[in-house]
Amino acid sequence: MKVCDILRVKGNVLYTVSPDEPMERAIDIMSDKDIGSLVVMEHADLVGMLTFREVIQCMVKHKSNVGSVLVRSAMDDHPLTCTSETELDEVRRMMLDRHARYMPVMDRRMLMGVISFYDVAKAVVDSQNFENRMLKAYIRDWPSSEDAQPSAQL
């Protein structure tokens, strides 16, 4: 299974923010849309990722007074990325190694979407459930030992 399979199911809704926007606006967007991350774009290029982890770190650093702090000062400016052709096993490994919960999907320099650890886990579980159903159907249709014996001809 590849990342493009997740994006096909998930859809292509993207939420972005500029690095020069105030954190207050980014937090409002994340709250209003009930999302855990924003892609930070500048001049049509990915320049960072803002997740609830960076928001919380910023709030601690600024004693919860983050209204005028710019996204640029809180974002992860070297986010982990993948392509739509990256295998899911590789994405899982990358996300686990870096403790990343969100990963932008890039096609050269174009942002194709964002996948979350939840999306990856759901795809794996759905795939396993499908495989289990197929195996159970196969076992259920297994010929009995009587049916498997060649018939004797008289």
C-alpha atoms as a PDB file:
ATOM      1  CA  MET A   1       0.000   0.000   0.000  1.00  0.00           C
ATOM      2  CA  LYS A   2       1.217   3.493  -0.842  1.00  0.00           C
ATOM      3  CA  VAL A   3       0.547   7.006   0.446  1.00  0.00           C
ATOM      4  CA  CYS A   4      -1.543   7.767  -2.679  1.00  0.00           C
ATOM      5  CA  ASP A   5      -4.024   5.108  -1.474  1.00  0.00           C
ATOM      6  CA  ILE A   6      -4.532   7.045   1.766  1.00  0.00           C
ATOM      7  CA  LEU A   7      -4.885  10.374  -0.041  1.00  0.00           C
ATOM      8  CA  ARG A   8      -7.453   8.900  -2.426  1.00  0.00           C
ATOM      9  CA  VAL A   9      -9.668   7.892   0.513  1.00  0.00           C
ATOM     10  CA  LYS A  10      -8.929  10.922   2.662  1.00  0.00           C
ATOM     11  CA  GLY A  11      -9.563  13.569   0.026  1.00  0.00           C
ATOM     12  CA  ASN A  12      -7.618  16.686  -0.789  1.00  0.00           C
ATOM     13  CA  VAL A  13      -8.687  19.324   1.738  1.00  0.00           C
ATOM     14  CA  LEU A  14      -5.611  21.250   2.884  1.00  0.00           C
ATOM     15  CA  TYR A  15      -5.258  23.920   5.523  1.00  0.00           C
ATOM     16  CA  THR A  16      -2.291  26.226   5.256  1.00  0.00           C
ATOM     17  CA  VAL A  17      -0.966  29.309   6.971  1.00  0.00           C
ATOM     18  CA  SER A  18       1.710  31.864   6.159  1.00  0.00           C
ATOM     19  CA  PRO A  19       4.832  32.011   8.344  1.00  0.00           C
ATOM     20  CA  ASP A  20       4.150  35.702   8.967  1.00  0.00           C
ATOM     21  CA  GLU A  21       0.678  35.160  10.391  1.00  0.00           C
ATOM     22  CA  PRO A  22       0.190  35.550  14.150  1.00  0.00           C
ATOM     23  CA  MET A  23      -0.054  32.346  16.166  1.00  0.00           C
ATOM     24  CA  GLU A  24      -3.460  33.474  17.383  1.00  0.00           C
ATOM     25  CA  ARG A  25      -4.828  33.141  13.826  1.00  0.00           C
ATOM     26  CA  ALA A  26      -3.206  29.721  13.343  1.00  0.00           C
ATOM     27  CA  ILE A  27      -4.632  28.479  16.647  1.00  0.00           C
ATOM     28  CA  ASP A  28      -8.087  29.778  15.671  1.00  0.00           C
ATOM     29  CA  ILE A  29      -7.918  27.899  12.348  1.00  0.00           C
ATOM     30  CA  MET A  30      -6.790  24.682  14.052  1.00  0.00           C
ATOM     31  CA  SER A  31      -9.591  24.997  16.604  1.00  0.00           C
ATOM     32  CA  ASP A  32     -12.316  25.955  14.107  1.00  0.00           C
ATOM     33  CA  LYS A  33     -11.407  23.139  11.690  1.00  0.00           C
ATOM     34  CA  ASP A  34     -10.697  20.626  14.491  1.00  0.00           C
ATOM     35  CA  ILE A  35      -7.306  19.759  13.007  1.00  0.00           C
ATOM     36  CA  GLY A  36      -3.958  19.030  14.618  1.00  0.00           C
ATOM     37  CA  SER A  37      -1.684  20.609  12.033  1.00  0.00           C
ATOM     38  CA  LEU A  38      -1.256  23.379   9.517  1.00  0.00           C
ATOM     39  CA  VAL A  39       1.111  23.377   6.585  1.00  0.00           C
ATOM     40  CA  VAL A  40       3.170  26.576   6.512  1.00  0.00           C
ATOM     41  CA  MET A  41       3.479  27.878   2.944  1.00  0.00           C
ATOM     42  CA  GLU A  42       5.371  30.882   1.604  1.00  0.00           C
ATOM     43  CA  HIS A  43       5.382  31.834  -2.087  1.00  0.00           C
ATOM     44  CA  ALA A  44       3.785  28.453  -2.950  1.00  0.00           C
ATOM     45  CA  ASP A  45       6.619  26.569  -1.200  1.00  0.00           C
ATOM     46  CA  LEU A  46       6.432  24.382   1.892  1.00  0.00           C
ATOM     47  CA  VAL A  47       8.490  26.131   4.565  1.00  0.00           C
ATOM     48  CA  GLY A  48       7.274  24.417   7.701  1.00  0.00           C
ATOM     49  CA  MET A  49       4.695  22.539   9.694  1.00  0.00           C
ATOM     50  CA  LEU A  50       2.766  23.758  12.702  1.00  0.00           C
ATOM     51  CA  THR A  51       1.231  21.089  14.903  1.00  0.00           C
ATOM     52  CA  PHE A  52      -0.335  21.173  18.327  1.00  0.00           C
ATOM     53  CA  ARG A  53       3.092  20.126  19.658  1.00  0.00           C
ATOM     54  CA  GLU A  54       4.696  23.386  18.413  1.00  0.00           C
ATOM     55  CA  VAL A  55       1.686  25.390  19.633  1.00  0.00           C
ATOM     56  CA  ILE A  56       2.029  23.995  23.150  1.00  0.00           C
ATOM     57  CA  GLN A  57       5.800  24.558  23.171  1.00  0.00           C
ATOM     58  CA  CYS A  58       5.217  28.161  22.058  1.00  0.00           C
ATOM     59  CA  MET A  59       2.607  28.683  24.766  1.00  0.00           C
ATOM     60  CA  VAL A  60       4.981  27.414  27.440  1.00  0.00           C
ATOM     61  CA  LYS A  61       7.834  29.552  26.120  1.00  0.00           C
ATOM     62  CA  HIS A  62       5.713  32.718  25.989  1.00  0.00           C
ATOM     63  CA  LYS A  63       3.695  32.053  29.146  1.00  0.00           C
ATOM     64  CA  SER A  64       0.497  31.512  27.103  1.00  0.00           C
ATOM     65  CA  ASN A  65       0.790  35.001  25.580  1.00  0.00           C
ATOM     66  CA  VAL A  66       1.194  33.931  21.955  1.00  0.00           C
ATOM     67  CA  GLY A  67      -1.206  36.338  20.244  1.00  0.00           C
ATOM     68  CA  SER A  68       1.440  38.413  18.482  1.00  0.00           C
ATOM     69  CA  VAL A  69       4.067  35.682  18.096  1.00  0.00           C
ATOM     70  CA  LEU A  70       4.535  34.782  14.429  1.00  0.00           C
ATOM     71  CA  VAL A  71       4.016  31.261  13.127  1.00  0.00           C
ATOM     72  CA  ARG A  72       7.581  31.427  11.777  1.00  0.00           C
ATOM     73  CA  SER A  73       9.018  31.431  15.301  1.00  0.00           C
ATOM     74  CA  ALA A  74       7.085  28.336  16.413  1.00  0.00           C
ATOM     75  CA  MET A  75       6.874  26.116  13.307  1.00  0.00           C
ATOM     76  CA  ASP A  76       9.010  23.093  12.518  1.00  0.00           C
ATOM     77  CA  ASP A  77      11.069  24.464   9.633  1.00  0.00           C
ATOM     78  CA  HIS A  78      12.371  21.037   8.568  1.00  0.00           C
ATOM     79  CA  PRO A  79       9.273  18.840   8.505  1.00  0.00           C
ATOM     80  CA  LEU A  80       9.475  15.215   7.525  1.00  0.00           C
ATOM     81  CA  THR A  81       7.932  14.686   4.066  1.00  0.00           C
ATOM     82  CA  CYS A  82       7.114  11.808   1.750  1.00  0.00           C
ATOM     83  CA  THR A  83       5.793  11.344  -1.782  1.00  0.00           C
ATOM     84  CA  SER A  84       2.526   9.798  -2.901  1.00  0.00           C
ATOM     85  CA  GLU A  85       4.531   6.768  -4.080  1.00  0.00           C
ATOM     86  CA  THR A  86       6.147   6.112  -0.682  1.00  0.00           C
ATOM     87  CA  GLU A  87       5.232   2.705   0.719  1.00  0.00           C
ATOM     88  CA  LEU A  88       3.194   2.726   3.930  1.00  0.00           C
ATOM     89  CA  ASP A  89       5.748   0.589   5.770  1.00  0.00           C
ATOM     90  CA  GLU A  90       8.389   3.256   5.077  1.00  0.00           C
ATOM     91  CA  VAL A  91       6.049   6.046   6.238  1.00  0.00           C
ATOM     92  CA  ARG A  92       5.354   4.189   9.490  1.00  0.00           C
ATOM     93  CA  ARG A  93       9.075   3.764  10.105  1.00  0.00           C
ATOM     94  CA  MET A  94       9.793   7.435   9.341  1.00  0.00           C
ATOM     95  CA  MET A  95       6.969   8.677  11.573  1.00  0.00           C
ATOM     96  CA  LEU A  96       7.999   6.428  14.454  1.00  0.00           C
ATOM     97  CA  ASP A  97      11.692   7.357  14.171  1.00  0.00           C
ATOM     98  CA  ARG A  98      10.944  11.094  14.281  1.00  0.00           C
ATOM     99  CA  HIS A  99       7.868  10.940  16.555  1.00  0.00           C
ATOM    100  CA  ALA A 100       5.983  12.713  13.768  1.00  0.00           C
ATOM    101  CA  ARG A 101       2.207  12.741  13.891  1.00  0.00           C
ATOM    102  CA  TYR A 102       1.725  14.577  10.596  1.00  0.00           C
ATOM    103  CA  MET A 103       3.577  14.366   7.306  1.00  0.00           C
ATOM    104  CA  PRO A 104       3.200  16.551   4.219  1.00  0.00           C
ATOM    105  CA  VAL A 105       3.020  14.630   0.957  1.00  0.00           C
ATOM    106  CA  MET A 106       5.021  16.308  -1.801  1.00  0.00           C
ATOM    107  CA  ASP A 107       5.260  15.772  -5.541  1.00  0.00           C
ATOM    108  CA  ARG A 108       8.500  17.539  -6.348  1.00  0.00           C
ATOM    109  CA  ARG A 109       7.718  20.985  -4.901  1.00  0.00           C
ATOM    110  CA  MET A 110       3.923  20.673  -4.996  1.00  0.00           C
ATOM    111  CA  LEU A 111       1.998  19.901  -1.807  1.00  0.00           C
ATOM    112  CA  MET A 112      -0.350  16.966  -2.480  1.00  0.00           C
ATOM    113  CA  GLY A 113      -1.782  16.559   1.007  1.00  0.00           C
ATOM    114  CA  VAL A 114      -1.001  15.765   4.620  1.00  0.00           C
ATOM    115  CA  ILE A 115      -1.279  12.364   6.234  1.00  0.00           C
ATOM    116  CA  SER A 116      -1.478  11.754   9.935  1.00  0.00           C
ATOM    117  CA  PHE A 117      -0.365   8.865  12.069  1.00  0.00           C
ATOM    118  CA  TYR A 118      -4.087   8.146  12.498  1.00  0.00           C
ATOM    119  CA  ASP A 119      -4.508   7.917   8.700  1.00  0.00           C
ATOM    120  CA  VAL A 120      -1.624   5.443   8.500  1.00  0.00           C
ATOM    121  CA  ALA A 121      -2.910   3.342  11.406  1.00  0.00           C
ATOM    122  CA  LYS A 122      -6.435   3.302   9.943  1.00  0.00           C
ATOM    123  CA  ALA A 123      -5.137   2.193   6.532  1.00  0.00           C
ATOM    124  CA  VAL A 124      -3.160  -0.640   8.138  1.00  0.00           C
ATOM    125  CA  VAL A 125      -6.141  -1.804  10.218  1.00  0.00           C
ATOM    126  CA  ASP A 126      -8.497  -1.589   7.207  1.00  0.00           C
ATOM    127  CA  SER A 127      -6.031  -3.600   5.131  1.00  0.00           C
ATOM    128  CA  GLN A 128      -5.693  -6.236   7.844  1.00  0.00           C
ATOM    129  CA  ASN A 129      -9.481  -6.450   8.253  1.00  0.00           C
ATOM    130  CA  PHE A 130      -9.889  -6.953   4.499  1.00  0.00           C
ATOM    131  CA  GLU A 131      -7.218  -9.663   4.497  1.00  0.00           C
ATOM    132  CA  ASN A 132      -8.880 -11.375   7.484  1.00  0.00           C
ATOM    133  CA  ARG A 133     -12.267 -11.369   5.717  1.00  0.00           C
ATOM    134  CA  MET A 134     -10.706 -12.840   2.593  1.00  0.00           C
ATOM    135  CA  LEU A 135      -8.912 -15.554   4.577  1.00  0.00           C
ATOM    136  CA  LYS A 136     -12.096 -16.429   6.485  1.00  0.00           C
ATOM    137  CA  ALA A 137     -14.066 -16.618   3.232  1.00  0.00           C
ATOM    138  CA  TYR A 138     -11.367 -18.831   1.752  1.00  0.00           C
ATOM    139  CA  ILE A 139     -11.367 -21.119   4.792  1.00  0.00           C
ATOM    140  CA  ARG A 140     -15.185 -21.261   4.816  1.00  0.00           C
ATOM    141  CA  ASP A 141     -15.131 -22.387   1.163  1.00  0.00           C
ATOM    142  CA  TRP A 142     -12.386 -24.954   1.813  1.00  0.00           C
ATOM    143  CA  PRO A 143     -13.491 -28.299   0.430  1.00  0.00           C
ATOM    144  CA  SER A 144     -14.292 -30.915   3.027  1.00  0.00           C
ATOM    145  CA  SER A 145     -12.147 -34.040   3.106  1.00  0.00           C
ATOM    146  CA  GLU A 146     -14.945 -36.051   1.439  1.00  0.00           C
ATOM    147  CA  ASP A 147     -15.244 -33.471  -1.354  1.00  0.00           C
ATOM    148  CA  ALA A 148     -11.499 -33.441  -1.850  1.00  0.00           C
ATOM    149  CA  GLN A 149     -11.270 -37.220  -2.519  1.00  0.00           C
ATOM    150  CA  PRO A 150     -11.358 -38.191  -6.165  1.00  0.00           C
ATOM    151  CA  SER A 151     -14.467 -40.218  -6.897  1.00  0.00           C
ATOM    152  CA  ALA A 152     -13.965 -43.873  -7.626  1.00  0.00           C
ATOM    153  CA  GLN A 153     -15.174 -44.928 -10.990  1.00  0.00           C
ATOM    154  CA  LEU A 154     -16.907 -48.248 -11.439  1.00  0.00           C
END
